Amino acid sequence: MVNKPKVLIDLNILLDVLQKREPFYAASAALLAAVETGQIEGYVAAHSITTLFYLIQKGRSPAEARAAITNILQFIKIAAADQSTIEQALNLDFRDFEDAVQMISAVQSKADCLITRNIKDYQPALLPVMQPVDFLASFN
């Protein structure tokens, strides 16, 4: 059996689906569906979950945030972030520290690629960085 691809999914992909953001919804939803059906092993950086909770509860309620995250955790794994993650991220020459932490989380979880809509934010890339539509085209 061929190993399924392992990807770290940026927060913007989850938000595309939860908020039905066009024109990104279809590709992001297809990516999450492939994770949910077990075709892809999906990870999300730990700090993305706390941000996601904050954004959902701000627009809705804490109960809805808990429900949404509980649902996501049924099929997406959490990429750990520890002291080593933060120290390595500090050494990356990224404009946005949060993106640096995402990149190191992807590397440490041994992801094959990081999936985001903001590829330019992840340069220099330590592993392939792709948009959902491009990843799905290469995967299928």
Protein backbone atom coordinates (compact mmCIF):
# COMPACT_ATOMS: atom_id res chain seq x y z
CA MET A 1 0.00 0.00 0.00
CA VAL A 2 1.25 3.48 -0.89
CA ASN A 3 1.70 5.89 1.99
CA LYS A 4 -0.95 8.56 1.96
CA PRO A 5 0.30 12.13 1.78
CA LYS A 6 0.70 13.97 5.06
CA VAL A 7 -0.12 17.68 4.96
CA LEU A 8 -0.21 20.57 7.38
CA ILE A 9 -3.27 22.69 6.69
CA ASP A 10 -3.12 26.44 7.26
CA LEU A 11 -5.88 28.12 9.24
CA ASN A 12 -7.10 30.02 6.17
CA ILE A 13 -8.19 26.71 4.59
CA LEU A 14 -10.34 25.83 7.60
CA LEU A 15 -11.83 29.33 7.60
CA ASP A 16 -12.62 29.05 3.88
CA VAL A 17 -14.82 26.06 4.67
CA LEU A 18 -16.34 27.20 7.96
CA GLN A 19 -17.19 30.64 6.56
CA LYS A 20 -17.95 29.36 3.02
CA ARG A 21 -15.56 31.96 1.60
CA GLU A 22 -15.72 32.23 -2.18
CA PRO A 23 -14.03 31.59 -4.51
CA PHE A 24 -11.95 29.35 -2.22
CA TYR A 25 -14.66 27.22 -0.63
CA ALA A 26 -14.83 24.38 -3.18
CA ALA A 27 -11.11 23.55 -3.26
CA SER A 28 -10.69 23.93 0.51
CA ALA A 29 -13.76 21.77 1.17
CA ALA A 30 -12.49 19.12 -1.26
CA LEU A 31 -9.15 19.05 0.56
CA LEU A 32 -10.83 18.62 3.96
CA ALA A 33 -13.11 15.94 2.50
CA ALA A 34 -10.04 14.00 1.34
CA VAL A 35 -8.66 14.23 4.88
CA GLU A 36 -11.99 13.23 6.41
CA THR A 37 -12.26 10.16 4.13
CA GLY A 38 -8.71 9.09 4.99
CA GLN A 39 -7.12 9.68 1.58
CA ILE A 40 -4.80 12.30 3.09
CA GLU A 41 -3.37 12.56 6.59
CA GLY A 42 -4.15 16.09 7.74
CA TYR A 43 -2.56 18.14 10.49
CA VAL A 44 -3.22 21.61 11.86
CA ALA A 45 -0.71 23.55 13.95
CA ALA A 46 -1.74 23.66 17.62
CA HIS A 47 -1.85 27.46 17.71
CA SER A 48 -4.23 27.51 14.74
CA ILE A 49 -6.83 25.72 16.85
CA THR A 50 -6.74 28.36 19.56
CA THR A 51 -7.09 31.10 16.95
CA LEU A 52 -9.93 29.21 15.28
CA PHE A 53 -11.76 28.86 18.60
CA TYR A 54 -11.39 32.59 19.23
CA LEU A 55 -12.70 33.53 15.77
CA ILE A 56 -15.70 31.18 15.91
CA GLN A 57 -16.78 32.16 19.43
CA LYS A 58 -16.37 35.84 18.58
CA GLY A 59 -18.80 35.52 15.67
CA ARG A 60 -21.08 32.91 17.23
CA SER A 61 -20.68 31.43 20.72
CA PRO A 62 -18.20 29.41 22.81
CA ALA A 63 -20.50 26.37 22.52
CA GLU A 64 -20.47 26.59 18.72
CA ALA A 65 -16.68 27.01 18.76
CA ARG A 66 -16.32 23.88 20.91
CA ALA A 67 -18.65 21.94 18.60
CA ALA A 68 -16.81 23.03 15.44
CA ILE A 69 -13.39 22.17 16.85
CA THR A 70 -14.63 18.85 18.25
CA ASN A 71 -15.86 18.02 14.76
CA ILE A 72 -12.56 19.01 13.12
CA LEU A 73 -10.61 16.90 15.61
CA GLN A 74 -12.52 13.81 14.44
CA PHE A 75 -10.39 13.75 11.28
CA ILE A 76 -7.53 16.25 11.62
CA LYS A 77 -4.55 15.72 13.90
CA ILE A 78 -2.77 18.43 15.86
CA ALA A 79 0.85 19.18 15.00
CA ALA A 80 2.56 19.78 18.32
CA ALA A 81 4.38 23.01 19.06
CA ASP A 82 6.96 23.00 21.82
CA GLN A 83 10.02 25.00 22.82
CA SER A 84 12.02 23.55 19.95
CA THR A 85 9.30 24.58 17.48
CA ILE A 86 9.36 28.16 18.72
CA GLU A 87 13.17 28.38 18.81
CA GLN A 88 13.48 27.06 15.26
CA ALA A 89 10.73 29.41 14.06
CA LEU A 90 12.61 32.37 15.56
CA ASN A 91 15.54 31.48 13.30
CA LEU A 92 13.48 31.51 10.10
CA ASP A 93 13.61 34.68 8.03
CA PHE A 94 9.82 35.01 7.75
CA ARG A 95 7.98 38.32 7.95
CA ASP A 96 5.20 36.76 10.02
CA PHE A 97 6.26 34.76 13.08
CA GLU A 98 2.98 32.81 13.09
CA ASP A 99 3.79 31.54 9.59
CA ALA A 100 7.27 30.55 10.76
CA VAL A 101 5.72 28.50 13.57
CA GLN A 102 3.39 26.87 11.03
CA MET A 103 6.35 25.95 8.80
CA ILE A 104 8.35 24.43 11.65
CA SER A 105 5.24 22.56 12.86
CA ALA A 106 4.89 21.11 9.36
CA VAL A 107 8.55 20.07 9.26
CA GLN A 108 8.46 18.56 12.76
CA SER A 109 5.30 16.58 11.98
CA LYS A 110 7.07 15.23 8.89
CA ALA A 111 4.45 16.68 6.54
CA ASP A 112 4.97 16.23 2.82
CA CYS A 113 3.73 19.76 2.25
CA LEU A 114 2.07 22.77 3.81
CA ILE A 115 -1.25 23.75 2.26
CA THR A 116 -2.24 27.40 2.33
CA ARG A 117 -3.63 30.08 0.09
CA ASN A 118 -0.75 32.41 0.98
CA ILE A 119 2.27 30.68 -0.56
CA LYS A 120 4.32 33.88 -0.61
CA ASP A 121 4.14 34.06 3.20
CA TYR A 122 6.08 30.79 3.49
CA GLN A 123 9.34 31.72 1.80
CA PRO A 124 11.97 30.46 2.08
CA ALA A 125 10.08 27.17 2.11
CA LEU A 126 11.55 24.23 4.03
CA LEU A 127 9.13 21.87 2.30
CA PRO A 128 6.68 22.21 -0.59
CA VAL A 129 3.97 24.85 -0.06
CA MET A 130 0.86 24.53 -2.22
CA GLN A 131 -2.60 25.96 -2.64
CA PRO A 132 -5.48 23.46 -2.16
CA VAL A 133 -6.40 23.44 -5.85
CA ASP A 134 -2.81 22.67 -6.91
CA PHE A 135 -2.32 20.01 -4.25
CA LEU A 136 -5.58 18.30 -5.25
CA ALA A 137 -4.59 18.36 -8.92
CA SER A 138 -1.24 16.72 -8.11
CA PHE A 139 -2.86 14.27 -5.70
CA ASN A 140 -5.63 13.06 -8.03
